[in-house]
Amino acid sequence: MKKILTLLFIACTLVSFGQNTQGESVVTVDVGYSLAGNFIKNFIDLADDDAEVETSLTPVIMVGFDHALTDVFSIGIQGAYQGIGADFQHEYNDGGTLVTENVETTINRINVAIRPNFHYGGSENLDMYSGMRIGLQSFGTTHNSKDPDFSALNDLDNSRLSVGATLFGFRYFVTENFGMNMELGVGVPYAVLAGINFKF
């Protein structure tokens, strides 16, 4: 039993010190996918419940910075942006005349968060990690409606605390300073993303 425990301890020690090295920093540029576009119709409160809404969604664009405080723990910051477009018909009363207009709107979603990560496993070129994303998410909207009382998108203009988790992420370095990464997450601001890394 002692031999088994000793071997397990040695194995855990070896895999705990992978590519993440104390004092090193990594800059990441990623594109990702989120579920925000699927929920946009629920946020737009139209006067006509039967109106159809056409939406478009850009990928999440994320830039991050991580600094290794130890070989197994890093702290970082990230900024993410996503644009959501919506196109729909809107009716309003203009001095007794019923006006039907086509409204085009853009919703900008910005997220800034700190990201503590725990690093495990890996090898000389591979760094695996999991962690949290805690920050602030802000929505801003613009539209071309001529209705002075247009308020369908007012509920979207807000800022709030955001929480997300990186369930699993990895970086694979093809050279000493350049690599690729992928993350699977839950919560704000993305579910999956991939990109490139620069280590220094």
N, C-alpha and C. Protein backbone atom coordinates (compact mmCIF):
# COMPACT_ATOMS: atom_id res chain seq x y z
N MET A 1 0.82 -1.19 0.00
CA MET A 1 0.00 0.00 0.00
C MET A 1 0.87 1.27 0.00
N LYS A 2 1.97 1.22 0.77
CA LYS A 2 2.87 2.37 0.83
C LYS A 2 3.49 2.64 -0.54
N LYS A 3 3.82 1.57 -1.26
CA LYS A 3 4.42 1.74 -2.59
C LYS A 3 3.43 2.41 -3.54
N ILE A 4 2.17 1.97 -3.45
CA ILE A 4 1.14 2.56 -4.32
C ILE A 4 0.96 4.05 -4.01
N LEU A 5 0.88 4.39 -2.72
CA LEU A 5 0.73 5.79 -2.33
C LEU A 5 1.93 6.62 -2.75
N THR A 6 3.12 6.03 -2.61
CA THR A 6 4.33 6.73 -3.02
C THR A 6 4.34 6.99 -4.52
N LEU A 7 3.96 5.99 -5.31
CA LEU A 7 3.90 6.15 -6.76
C LEU A 7 2.86 7.19 -7.16
N LEU A 8 1.70 7.19 -6.50
CA LEU A 8 0.67 8.19 -6.78
C LEU A 8 1.16 9.59 -6.47
N PHE A 9 1.87 9.74 -5.33
CA PHE A 9 2.40 11.05 -4.95
C PHE A 9 3.42 11.54 -5.98
N ILE A 10 4.31 10.65 -6.41
CA ILE A 10 5.32 11.02 -7.41
C ILE A 10 4.65 11.41 -8.72
N ALA A 11 3.64 10.62 -9.14
CA ALA A 11 2.94 10.90 -10.39
C ALA A 11 2.23 12.25 -10.34
N CYS A 12 1.56 12.51 -9.20
CA CYS A 12 0.85 13.79 -9.05
C CYS A 12 1.84 14.96 -9.05
N THR A 13 3.00 14.74 -8.42
CA THR A 13 4.00 15.80 -8.38
C THR A 13 4.54 16.09 -9.77
N LEU A 14 4.81 15.03 -10.53
CA LEU A 14 5.34 15.21 -11.88
C LEU A 14 4.36 15.90 -12.79
N VAL A 15 3.08 15.52 -12.73
CA VAL A 15 2.11 16.11 -13.65
C VAL A 15 1.65 17.48 -13.18
N SER A 16 1.93 17.85 -11.96
CA SER A 16 1.50 19.15 -11.47
C SER A 16 2.36 20.29 -12.01
N PHE A 17 3.55 19.96 -12.46
CA PHE A 17 4.45 20.99 -12.95
C PHE A 17 4.64 20.81 -14.44
N GLY A 18 3.70 21.37 -15.21
CA GLY A 18 3.76 21.26 -16.66
C GLY A 18 4.36 22.51 -17.25
N GLN A 19 3.76 22.96 -18.34
CA GLN A 19 4.29 24.08 -19.07
C GLN A 19 4.21 25.38 -18.28
N ASN A 20 3.21 25.51 -17.40
CA ASN A 20 3.10 26.73 -16.60
C ASN A 20 4.28 26.83 -15.65
N THR A 21 5.04 27.94 -15.74
CA THR A 21 6.24 28.11 -14.93
C THR A 21 6.17 29.44 -14.20
N GLN A 22 6.47 29.42 -12.92
CA GLN A 22 6.40 30.62 -12.09
C GLN A 22 7.17 31.77 -12.73
N GLY A 23 6.52 32.94 -12.78
CA GLY A 23 7.16 34.13 -13.33
C GLY A 23 6.90 34.38 -14.79
N GLU A 24 6.42 33.38 -15.52
CA GLU A 24 6.15 33.57 -16.94
C GLU A 24 4.77 34.19 -17.16
N SER A 25 4.64 34.89 -18.29
CA SER A 25 3.38 35.51 -18.67
C SER A 25 2.97 35.05 -20.06
N VAL A 26 1.66 35.00 -20.29
CA VAL A 26 1.13 34.57 -21.58
C VAL A 26 0.05 35.55 -22.04
N VAL A 27 0.18 36.01 -23.27
CA VAL A 27 -0.86 36.83 -23.90
C VAL A 27 -1.61 35.95 -24.88
N THR A 28 -2.94 36.01 -24.83
CA THR A 28 -3.79 35.14 -25.64
C THR A 28 -4.73 35.99 -26.49
N VAL A 29 -4.90 35.60 -27.75
CA VAL A 29 -5.89 36.21 -28.64
C VAL A 29 -6.77 35.09 -29.16
N ASP A 30 -8.09 35.19 -28.90
CA ASP A 30 -8.99 34.08 -29.21
C ASP A 30 -10.26 34.55 -29.90
N VAL A 31 -10.91 33.61 -30.57
CA VAL A 31 -12.29 33.79 -31.04
C VAL A 31 -13.10 32.65 -30.45
N GLY A 32 -14.38 32.93 -30.13
CA GLY A 32 -15.17 31.91 -29.46
C GLY A 32 -16.65 31.97 -29.81
N TYR A 33 -17.37 31.06 -29.21
CA TYR A 33 -18.81 30.94 -29.43
C TYR A 33 -19.52 31.09 -28.09
N SER A 34 -20.65 31.83 -28.10
CA SER A 34 -21.46 31.96 -26.90
C SER A 34 -22.92 31.69 -27.24
N LEU A 35 -23.73 31.60 -26.22
CA LEU A 35 -25.16 31.34 -26.41
C LEU A 35 -25.98 32.63 -26.45
N ALA A 36 -25.32 33.79 -26.40
CA ALA A 36 -26.04 35.07 -26.30
C ALA A 36 -26.99 35.29 -27.47
N GLY A 37 -26.57 34.95 -28.68
CA GLY A 37 -27.44 35.17 -29.84
C GLY A 37 -28.74 34.41 -29.77
N ASN A 38 -28.74 33.26 -29.14
CA ASN A 38 -29.96 32.47 -29.03
C ASN A 38 -30.97 33.08 -28.08
N PHE A 39 -30.52 33.97 -27.20
CA PHE A 39 -31.42 34.56 -26.21
C PHE A 39 -31.87 35.97 -26.57
N ILE A 40 -31.35 36.53 -27.66
CA ILE A 40 -31.63 37.93 -27.96
C ILE A 40 -33.12 38.19 -28.18
N LYS A 41 -33.82 37.23 -28.77
CA LYS A 41 -35.25 37.43 -29.03
C LYS A 41 -36.04 37.59 -27.73
N ASN A 42 -35.55 36.97 -26.67
CA ASN A 42 -36.25 37.08 -25.39
C ASN A 42 -36.09 38.46 -24.77
N PHE A 43 -35.05 39.20 -25.18
CA PHE A 43 -34.80 40.51 -24.59
C PHE A 43 -35.55 41.63 -25.33
N ILE A 44 -35.87 41.40 -26.60
CA ILE A 44 -36.51 42.45 -27.38
C ILE A 44 -38.01 42.38 -27.17
N ASP A 45 -38.56 43.39 -26.49
CA ASP A 45 -39.98 43.42 -26.13
C ASP A 45 -40.74 44.24 -27.17
N LEU A 46 -41.23 43.57 -28.21
CA LEU A 46 -41.93 44.25 -29.29
C LEU A 46 -43.41 44.42 -28.96
N ALA A 47 -44.00 45.48 -29.50
CA ALA A 47 -45.44 45.70 -29.31
C ALA A 47 -46.24 44.59 -29.97
N ASP A 48 -45.76 44.09 -31.10
CA ASP A 48 -46.44 43.01 -31.81
C ASP A 48 -45.73 41.71 -31.48
N ASP A 49 -46.38 40.85 -30.70
CA ASP A 49 -45.75 39.59 -30.28
C ASP A 49 -45.49 38.65 -31.44
N ASP A 50 -46.19 38.88 -32.58
CA ASP A 50 -46.01 38.00 -33.73
C ASP A 50 -44.90 38.45 -34.67
N ALA A 51 -44.28 39.57 -34.36
CA ALA A 51 -43.23 40.08 -35.23
C ALA A 51 -42.04 39.13 -35.25
N GLU A 52 -41.46 39.00 -36.44
CA GLU A 52 -40.29 38.14 -36.59
C GLU A 52 -39.03 38.96 -36.42
N VAL A 53 -38.07 38.38 -35.76
CA VAL A 53 -36.79 39.05 -35.51
C VAL A 53 -35.69 38.25 -36.19
N GLU A 54 -34.94 38.93 -37.04
CA GLU A 54 -33.77 38.30 -37.66
C GLU A 54 -32.53 38.77 -36.91
N THR A 55 -31.74 37.84 -36.47
CA THR A 55 -30.55 38.20 -35.70
C THR A 55 -29.28 37.73 -36.39
N SER A 56 -28.21 38.43 -36.12
CA SER A 56 -26.87 38.03 -36.57
C SER A 56 -25.94 38.12 -35.38
N LEU A 57 -24.90 37.33 -35.41
CA LEU A 57 -24.03 37.22 -34.26
C LEU A 57 -22.58 37.12 -34.71
N THR A 58 -21.72 37.99 -34.20
CA THR A 58 -20.30 37.87 -34.47
C THR A 58 -19.68 36.94 -33.42
N PRO A 59 -18.57 36.32 -33.72
CA PRO A 59 -17.90 35.50 -32.69
C PRO A 59 -17.46 36.36 -31.52
N VAL A 60 -17.27 35.74 -30.38
CA VAL A 60 -16.64 36.43 -29.25
C VAL A 60 -15.17 36.64 -29.60
N ILE A 61 -14.69 37.86 -29.43
CA ILE A 61 -13.27 38.16 -29.62
C ILE A 61 -12.69 38.45 -28.24
N MET A 62 -11.68 37.69 -27.85
CA MET A 62 -11.15 37.79 -26.50
C MET A 62 -9.64 37.99 -26.53
N VAL A 63 -9.17 38.92 -25.72
CA VAL A 63 -7.74 39.12 -25.51
C VAL A 63 -7.47 38.95 -24.02
N GLY A 64 -6.50 38.12 -23.68
CA GLY A 64 -6.24 37.85 -22.28
C GLY A 64 -4.76 37.91 -21.93
N PHE A 65 -4.50 38.11 -20.65
CA PHE A 65 -3.13 38.13 -20.12
C PHE A 65 -3.12 37.31 -18.84
N ASP A 66 -2.20 36.36 -18.75
CA ASP A 66 -2.07 35.52 -17.55
C ASP A 66 -0.62 35.57 -17.06
N HIS A 67 -0.48 35.65 -15.74
CA HIS A 67 0.86 35.64 -15.14
C HIS A 67 0.93 34.52 -14.10
N ALA A 68 1.93 33.68 -14.20
CA ALA A 68 2.08 32.54 -13.30
C ALA A 68 2.67 32.98 -11.97
N LEU A 69 1.87 32.95 -10.92
CA LEU A 69 2.37 33.27 -9.58
C LEU A 69 3.17 32.12 -9.00
N THR A 70 2.75 30.89 -9.35
CA THR A 70 3.49 29.68 -8.99
C THR A 70 3.44 28.76 -10.20
N ASP A 71 4.02 27.57 -10.08
CA ASP A 71 3.96 26.62 -11.18
C ASP A 71 2.56 26.04 -11.39
N VAL A 72 1.70 26.17 -10.40
CA VAL A 72 0.36 25.58 -10.53
C VAL A 72 -0.76 26.61 -10.45
N PHE A 73 -0.43 27.90 -10.28
CA PHE A 73 -1.49 28.90 -10.15
C PHE A 73 -1.12 30.17 -10.91
N SER A 74 -2.06 30.68 -11.69
CA SER A 74 -1.85 31.93 -12.41
C SER A 74 -3.05 32.85 -12.19
N ILE A 75 -2.81 34.13 -12.37
CA ILE A 75 -3.88 35.13 -12.28
C ILE A 75 -3.79 35.99 -13.54
N GLY A 76 -4.92 36.37 -14.06
CA GLY A 76 -4.90 37.14 -15.29
C GLY A 76 -6.11 38.02 -15.44
N ILE A 77 -6.16 38.70 -16.57
CA ILE A 77 -7.29 39.56 -16.90
C ILE A 77 -7.63 39.33 -18.37
N GLN A 78 -8.91 39.45 -18.70
CA GLN A 78 -9.33 39.27 -20.08
C GLN A 78 -10.38 40.30 -20.44
N GLY A 79 -10.41 40.64 -21.71
CA GLY A 79 -11.44 41.50 -22.25
C GLY A 79 -12.07 40.81 -23.45
N ALA A 80 -13.40 40.80 -23.51
CA ALA A 80 -14.10 40.11 -24.59
C ALA A 80 -15.16 41.01 -25.19
N TYR A 81 -15.36 40.89 -26.49
CA TYR A 81 -16.37 41.68 -27.20
C TYR A 81 -17.19 40.77 -28.11
N GLN A 82 -18.48 41.08 -28.21
CA GLN A 82 -19.35 40.39 -29.16
C GLN A 82 -20.41 41.35 -29.65
N GLY A 83 -20.65 41.36 -30.96
CA GLY A 83 -21.69 42.19 -31.55
C GLY A 83 -22.88 41.34 -31.97
N ILE A 84 -24.07 41.83 -31.66
CA ILE A 84 -25.30 41.13 -32.01
C ILE A 84 -26.18 42.09 -32.80
N GLY A 85 -26.64 41.66 -33.96
CA GLY A 85 -27.51 42.49 -34.77
C GLY A 85 -28.93 41.95 -34.76
N ALA A 86 -29.91 42.84 -34.80
CA ALA A 86 -31.32 42.45 -34.85
C ALA A 86 -32.04 43.33 -35.86
N ASP A 87 -32.91 42.71 -36.66
CA ASP A 87 -33.66 43.42 -37.70
C ASP A 87 -35.13 42.99 -37.57
N PHE A 88 -36.02 43.97 -37.38
CA PHE A 88 -37.43 43.62 -37.18
C PHE A 88 -38.32 44.80 -37.57
N GLN A 89 -39.61 44.53 -37.75
CA GLN A 89 -40.58 45.58 -38.06
C GLN A 89 -41.20 46.11 -36.78
N HIS A 90 -41.42 47.42 -36.77
CA HIS A 90 -41.99 48.08 -35.59
C HIS A 90 -43.08 49.05 -36.05
N GLU A 91 -44.23 49.04 -35.38
CA GLU A 91 -45.34 49.94 -35.69
C GLU A 91 -45.51 50.96 -34.57
N TYR A 92 -45.78 52.20 -34.96
CA TYR A 92 -46.05 53.22 -33.95
C TYR A 92 -47.00 54.28 -34.53
N ASN A 93 -47.62 55.03 -33.64
CA ASN A 93 -48.59 56.05 -34.02
C ASN A 93 -47.89 57.40 -34.09
N ASP A 94 -47.92 58.02 -35.28
CA ASP A 94 -47.29 59.31 -35.48
C ASP A 94 -48.37 60.35 -35.81
N GLY A 95 -48.91 60.99 -34.77
CA GLY A 95 -49.94 62.01 -34.96
C GLY A 95 -51.21 61.47 -35.58
N GLY A 96 -51.60 60.27 -35.22
CA GLY A 96 -52.81 59.67 -35.76
C GLY A 96 -52.58 58.78 -36.97
N THR A 97 -51.36 58.76 -37.46
CA THR A 97 -51.02 57.91 -38.60
C THR A 97 -50.21 56.71 -38.12
N LEU A 98 -50.64 55.52 -38.52
CA LEU A 98 -49.92 54.31 -38.14
C LEU A 98 -48.73 54.13 -39.07
N VAL A 99 -47.56 54.12 -38.50
CA VAL A 99 -46.32 54.00 -39.27
C VAL A 99 -45.69 52.64 -39.00
N THR A 100 -45.31 51.97 -40.06
CA THR A 100 -44.57 50.71 -39.94
C THR A 100 -43.16 50.95 -40.45
N GLU A 101 -42.19 50.65 -39.64
CA GLU A 101 -40.80 50.87 -40.03
C GLU A 101 -39.98 49.61 -39.78
N ASN A 102 -38.89 49.52 -40.51
CA ASN A 102 -37.95 48.42 -40.29
C ASN A 102 -36.83 48.94 -39.39
N VAL A 103 -36.68 48.31 -38.25
CA VAL A 103 -35.68 48.75 -37.27
C VAL A 103 -34.46 47.84 -37.34
N GLU A 104 -33.32 48.47 -37.48
CA GLU A 104 -32.05 47.75 -37.40
C GLU A 104 -31.34 48.20 -36.13
N THR A 105 -30.90 47.24 -35.37
CA THR A 105 -30.24 47.58 -34.10
C THR A 105 -28.97 46.76 -33.94
N THR A 106 -28.04 47.32 -33.21
CA THR A 106 -26.80 46.63 -32.87
C THR A 106 -26.66 46.61 -31.36
N ILE A 107 -26.37 45.45 -30.85
CA ILE A 107 -26.16 45.27 -29.42
C ILE A 107 -24.69 44.91 -29.22
N ASN A 108 -23.98 45.72 -28.45
CA ASN A 108 -22.57 45.47 -28.16
C ASN A 108 -22.44 44.89 -26.76
N ARG A 109 -21.81 43.74 -26.68
CA ARG A 109 -21.61 43.08 -25.38
C ARG A 109 -20.12 43.09 -25.06
N ILE A 110 -19.76 43.71 -23.95
CA ILE A 110 -18.36 43.82 -23.54
C ILE A 110 -18.22 43.19 -22.15
N ASN A 111 -17.18 42.39 -22.00
CA ASN A 111 -16.93 41.73 -20.73
C ASN A 111 -15.46 41.92 -20.34
N VAL A 112 -15.24 42.34 -19.11
CA VAL A 112 -13.88 42.45 -18.56
C VAL A 112 -13.86 41.64 -17.27
N ALA A 113 -12.89 40.75 -17.13
CA ALA A 113 -12.89 39.85 -15.98
C ALA A 113 -11.47 39.50 -15.55
N ILE A 114 -11.33 39.17 -14.27
CA ILE A 114 -10.09 38.57 -13.80
C ILE A 114 -10.26 37.05 -13.93
N ARG A 115 -9.15 36.35 -14.10
CA ARG A 115 -9.23 34.91 -14.33
C ARG A 115 -8.15 34.16 -13.57
N PRO A 116 -8.45 33.70 -12.36
CA PRO A 116 -7.53 32.81 -11.66
C PRO A 116 -7.62 31.40 -12.25
N ASN A 117 -6.48 30.79 -12.53
CA ASN A 117 -6.44 29.45 -13.12
C ASN A 117 -5.54 28.53 -12.32
N PHE A 118 -5.97 27.27 -12.21
CA PHE A 118 -5.16 26.22 -11.61
C PHE A 118 -4.62 25.34 -12.73
N HIS A 119 -3.31 25.14 -12.77
CA HIS A 119 -2.64 24.41 -13.85
C HIS A 119 -2.25 23.01 -13.36
N TYR A 120 -2.47 22.05 -14.22
CA TYR A 120 -2.19 20.65 -13.85
C TYR A 120 -1.82 19.88 -15.11
N GLY A 121 -1.20 18.75 -14.91
CA GLY A 121 -0.87 17.89 -16.04
C GLY A 121 0.09 18.58 -17.00
N GLY A 122 0.09 18.11 -18.21
CA GLY A 122 0.90 18.73 -19.22
C GLY A 122 2.26 18.08 -19.38
N SER A 123 3.07 18.73 -20.19
CA SER A 123 4.41 18.23 -20.50
C SER A 123 5.26 19.44 -20.84
N GLU A 124 6.36 19.21 -21.50
CA GLU A 124 7.25 20.32 -21.86
C GLU A 124 6.53 21.33 -22.74
N ASN A 125 5.65 20.86 -23.60
CA ASN A 125 4.95 21.75 -24.54
C ASN A 125 3.49 21.99 -24.20
N LEU A 126 2.92 21.20 -23.29
CA LEU A 126 1.48 21.24 -23.03
C LEU A 126 1.20 21.77 -21.63
N ASP A 127 0.25 22.70 -21.56
CA ASP A 127 -0.19 23.27 -20.28
C ASP A 127 -1.70 23.11 -20.20
N MET A 128 -2.20 22.39 -19.19
CA MET A 128 -3.64 22.21 -19.01
C MET A 128 -4.09 22.95 -17.76
N TYR A 129 -5.31 23.50 -17.79
CA TYR A 129 -5.75 24.33 -16.67
C TYR A 129 -7.27 24.39 -16.59
N SER A 130 -7.75 24.80 -15.42
CA SER A 130 -9.16 25.11 -15.18
C SER A 130 -9.19 26.33 -14.27
N GLY A 131 -10.32 27.05 -14.29
CA GLY A 131 -10.36 28.25 -13.47
C GLY A 131 -11.70 28.95 -13.50
N MET A 132 -11.68 30.21 -13.07
CA MET A 132 -12.88 31.04 -12.96
C MET A 132 -12.70 32.31 -13.78
N ARG A 133 -13.83 32.96 -14.09
CA ARG A 133 -13.82 34.28 -14.72
C ARG A 133 -14.82 35.13 -13.94
N ILE A 134 -14.34 36.15 -13.28
CA ILE A 134 -15.20 37.00 -12.46
C ILE A 134 -15.00 38.44 -12.91
N GLY A 135 -16.08 39.12 -13.34
CA GLY A 135 -15.90 40.47 -13.83
C GLY A 135 -17.18 41.23 -14.01
N LEU A 136 -17.18 42.12 -15.00
CA LEU A 136 -18.31 43.00 -15.29
C LEU A 136 -18.69 42.84 -16.75
N GLN A 137 -19.99 42.67 -17.00
CA GLN A 137 -20.49 42.59 -18.37
C GLN A 137 -21.39 43.78 -18.64
N SER A 138 -21.19 44.40 -19.81
CA SER A 138 -21.94 45.59 -20.17
C SER A 138 -22.58 45.41 -21.54
N PHE A 139 -23.86 45.78 -21.66
CA PHE A 139 -24.58 45.79 -22.92
C PHE A 139 -24.85 47.24 -23.32
N GLY A 140 -24.66 47.57 -24.59
CA GLY A 140 -25.03 48.87 -25.12
C GLY A 140 -25.73 48.69 -26.45
N THR A 141 -26.78 49.45 -26.71
CA THR A 141 -27.56 49.28 -27.93
C THR A 141 -27.65 50.57 -28.72
N THR A 142 -27.71 50.43 -30.04
CA THR A 142 -28.00 51.55 -30.95
C THR A 142 -29.06 51.07 -31.93
N HIS A 143 -29.94 51.97 -32.38
CA HIS A 143 -30.98 51.59 -33.34
C HIS A 143 -31.33 52.79 -34.21
N ASN A 144 -32.06 52.52 -35.30
CA ASN A 144 -32.41 53.58 -36.24
C ASN A 144 -33.90 53.90 -36.24
N SER A 145 -34.62 53.57 -35.17
CA SER A 145 -36.06 53.84 -35.11
C SER A 145 -36.32 55.34 -35.05
N LYS A 146 -37.36 55.78 -35.77
CA LYS A 146 -37.78 57.18 -35.75
C LYS A 146 -38.88 57.43 -34.72
N ASP A 147 -39.29 56.37 -34.04
CA ASP A 147 -40.31 56.49 -33.01
C ASP A 147 -39.70 57.12 -31.75
N PRO A 148 -40.15 58.32 -31.35
CA PRO A 148 -39.56 58.96 -30.16
C PRO A 148 -39.82 58.19 -28.88
N ASP A 149 -40.81 57.32 -28.90
CA ASP A 149 -41.14 56.55 -27.70
C ASP A 149 -40.63 55.11 -27.78
N PHE A 150 -39.76 54.84 -28.74
CA PHE A 150 -39.25 53.48 -28.92
C PHE A 150 -38.48 53.06 -27.67
N SER A 151 -38.89 51.97 -27.07
CA SER A 151 -38.24 51.52 -25.82
C SER A 151 -38.04 50.01 -25.80
N ALA A 152 -38.14 49.38 -26.97
CA ALA A 152 -38.08 47.92 -27.01
C ALA A 152 -36.77 47.36 -26.50
N LEU A 153 -35.69 48.16 -26.58
CA LEU A 153 -34.37 47.64 -26.23
C LEU A 153 -33.82 48.22 -24.93
N ASN A 154 -34.64 49.00 -24.23
CA ASN A 154 -34.14 49.66 -23.01
C ASN A 154 -33.63 48.66 -21.98
N ASP A 155 -34.27 47.49 -21.90
CA ASP A 155 -33.86 46.50 -20.90
C ASP A 155 -32.46 45.96 -21.14
N LEU A 156 -31.95 46.14 -22.38
CA LEU A 156 -30.63 45.58 -22.70
C LEU A 156 -29.48 46.50 -22.27
N ASP A 157 -29.75 47.77 -22.09
CA ASP A 157 -28.70 48.70 -21.71
C ASP A 157 -28.42 48.57 -20.22
N ASN A 158 -27.46 47.77 -19.87
CA ASN A 158 -27.14 47.59 -18.45
C ASN A 158 -25.74 47.03 -18.28
N SER A 159 -25.28 47.10 -17.06
CA SER A 159 -24.01 46.48 -16.67
C SER A 159 -24.28 45.65 -15.43
N ARG A 160 -23.61 44.52 -15.34
CA ARG A 160 -23.85 43.64 -14.19
C ARG A 160 -22.61 42.79 -13.93
N LEU A 161 -22.58 42.22 -12.74
CA LEU A 161 -21.52 41.29 -12.39
C LEU A 161 -21.64 40.04 -13.25
N SER A 162 -20.53 39.51 -13.69
CA SER A 162 -20.54 38.30 -14.51
C SER A 162 -19.64 37.24 -13.90
N VAL A 163 -20.07 36.01 -14.00
CA VAL A 163 -19.29 34.88 -13.48
C VAL A 163 -19.27 33.78 -14.52
N GLY A 164 -18.13 33.21 -14.75
CA GLY A 164 -17.99 32.09 -15.66
C GLY A 164 -16.92 31.15 -15.15
N ALA A 165 -16.83 30.00 -15.74
CA ALA A 165 -15.83 29.02 -15.33
C ALA A 165 -15.18 28.39 -16.56
N THR A 166 -13.89 28.22 -16.50
CA THR A 166 -13.18 27.45 -17.51
C THR A 166 -13.14 26.01 -17.02
N LEU A 167 -13.97 25.16 -17.60
CA LEU A 167 -14.02 23.77 -17.17
C LEU A 167 -12.73 23.05 -17.52
N PHE A 168 -12.25 23.32 -18.73
CA PHE A 168 -10.99 22.70 -19.16
C PHE A 168 -10.37 23.56 -20.25
N GLY A 169 -9.09 23.82 -20.12
CA GLY A 169 -8.36 24.56 -21.14
C GLY A 169 -6.98 23.98 -21.32
N PHE A 170 -6.43 24.17 -22.50
CA PHE A 170 -5.05 23.74 -22.71
C PHE A 170 -4.35 24.68 -23.68
N ARG A 171 -3.05 24.78 -23.50
CA ARG A 171 -2.19 25.50 -24.42
C ARG A 171 -1.12 24.54 -24.91
N TYR A 172 -0.90 24.54 -26.21
CA TYR A 172 0.17 23.71 -26.76
C TYR A 172 1.14 24.63 -27.49
N PHE A 173 2.39 24.63 -27.02
CA PHE A 173 3.40 25.53 -27.58
C PHE A 173 4.20 24.80 -28.65
N VAL A 174 4.13 25.34 -29.88
CA VAL A 174 4.86 24.73 -30.99
C VAL A 174 6.30 25.23 -31.03
N THR A 175 6.54 26.38 -30.42
CA THR A 175 7.91 26.86 -30.20
C THR A 175 8.01 27.27 -28.74
N GLU A 176 9.14 27.80 -28.33
CA GLU A 176 9.32 28.19 -26.94
C GLU A 176 8.36 29.30 -26.53
N ASN A 177 8.00 30.16 -27.49
CA ASN A 177 7.20 31.33 -27.14
C ASN A 177 5.85 31.43 -27.85
N PHE A 178 5.57 30.54 -28.79
CA PHE A 178 4.33 30.64 -29.56
C PHE A 178 3.54 29.34 -29.46
N GLY A 179 2.23 29.48 -29.19
CA GLY A 179 1.40 28.29 -29.06
C GLY A 179 -0.04 28.52 -29.46
N MET A 180 -0.82 27.47 -29.34
CA MET A 180 -2.26 27.51 -29.63
C MET A 180 -3.01 27.06 -28.39
N ASN A 181 -4.26 27.48 -28.27
CA ASN A 181 -5.03 27.10 -27.09
C ASN A 181 -6.49 26.84 -27.44
N MET A 182 -7.17 26.19 -26.51
CA MET A 182 -8.61 25.96 -26.62
C MET A 182 -9.16 25.89 -25.21
N GLU A 183 -10.40 26.42 -25.02
CA GLU A 183 -11.05 26.38 -23.71
C GLU A 183 -12.51 25.97 -23.86
N LEU A 184 -12.98 25.18 -22.92
CA LEU A 184 -14.40 24.86 -22.79
C LEU A 184 -14.88 25.51 -21.50
N GLY A 185 -15.96 26.28 -21.60
CA GLY A 185 -16.40 27.00 -20.41
C GLY A 185 -17.89 26.97 -20.23
N VAL A 186 -18.32 27.57 -19.14
CA VAL A 186 -19.74 27.73 -18.84
C VAL A 186 -19.91 29.13 -18.26
N GLY A 187 -21.02 29.77 -18.59
CA GLY A 187 -21.25 31.13 -18.11
C GLY A 187 -20.69 32.16 -19.06
N VAL A 188 -20.52 33.37 -18.56
CA VAL A 188 -20.10 34.52 -19.36
C VAL A 188 -18.58 34.50 -19.53
N PRO A 189 -18.03 34.91 -20.71
CA PRO A 189 -18.72 35.36 -21.91
C PRO A 189 -18.70 34.36 -23.06
N TYR A 190 -18.24 33.12 -22.86
CA TYR A 190 -18.16 32.17 -23.96
C TYR A 190 -18.29 30.74 -23.44
N ALA A 191 -18.67 29.86 -24.38
CA ALA A 191 -18.77 28.44 -24.06
C ALA A 191 -17.56 27.67 -24.58
N VAL A 192 -17.04 28.10 -25.72
CA VAL A 192 -15.85 27.47 -26.28
C VAL A 192 -15.09 28.53 -27.06
N LEU A 193 -13.77 28.46 -27.02
CA LEU A 193 -12.98 29.38 -27.82
C LEU A 193 -11.62 28.75 -28.13
N ALA A 194 -10.96 29.32 -29.12
CA ALA A 194 -9.64 28.82 -29.52
C ALA A 194 -8.86 30.00 -30.08
N GLY A 195 -7.53 29.90 -29.99
CA GLY A 195 -6.72 30.99 -30.50
C GLY A 195 -5.24 30.72 -30.40
N ILE A 196 -4.47 31.81 -30.32
CA ILE A 196 -3.02 31.71 -30.30
C ILE A 196 -2.49 32.38 -29.03
N ASN A 197 -1.28 31.97 -28.62
CA ASN A 197 -0.65 32.44 -27.39
C ASN A 197 0.78 32.89 -27.64
N PHE A 198 1.17 33.91 -26.89
CA PHE A 198 2.55 34.39 -26.92
C PHE A 198 3.06 34.40 -25.48
N LYS A 199 4.14 33.67 -25.24
CA LYS A 199 4.69 33.54 -23.89
C LYS A 199 5.99 34.33 -23.78
N PHE A 200 6.13 34.99 -22.63
CA PHE A 200 7.37 35.74 -22.39
C PHE A 200 7.70 35.75 -20.91
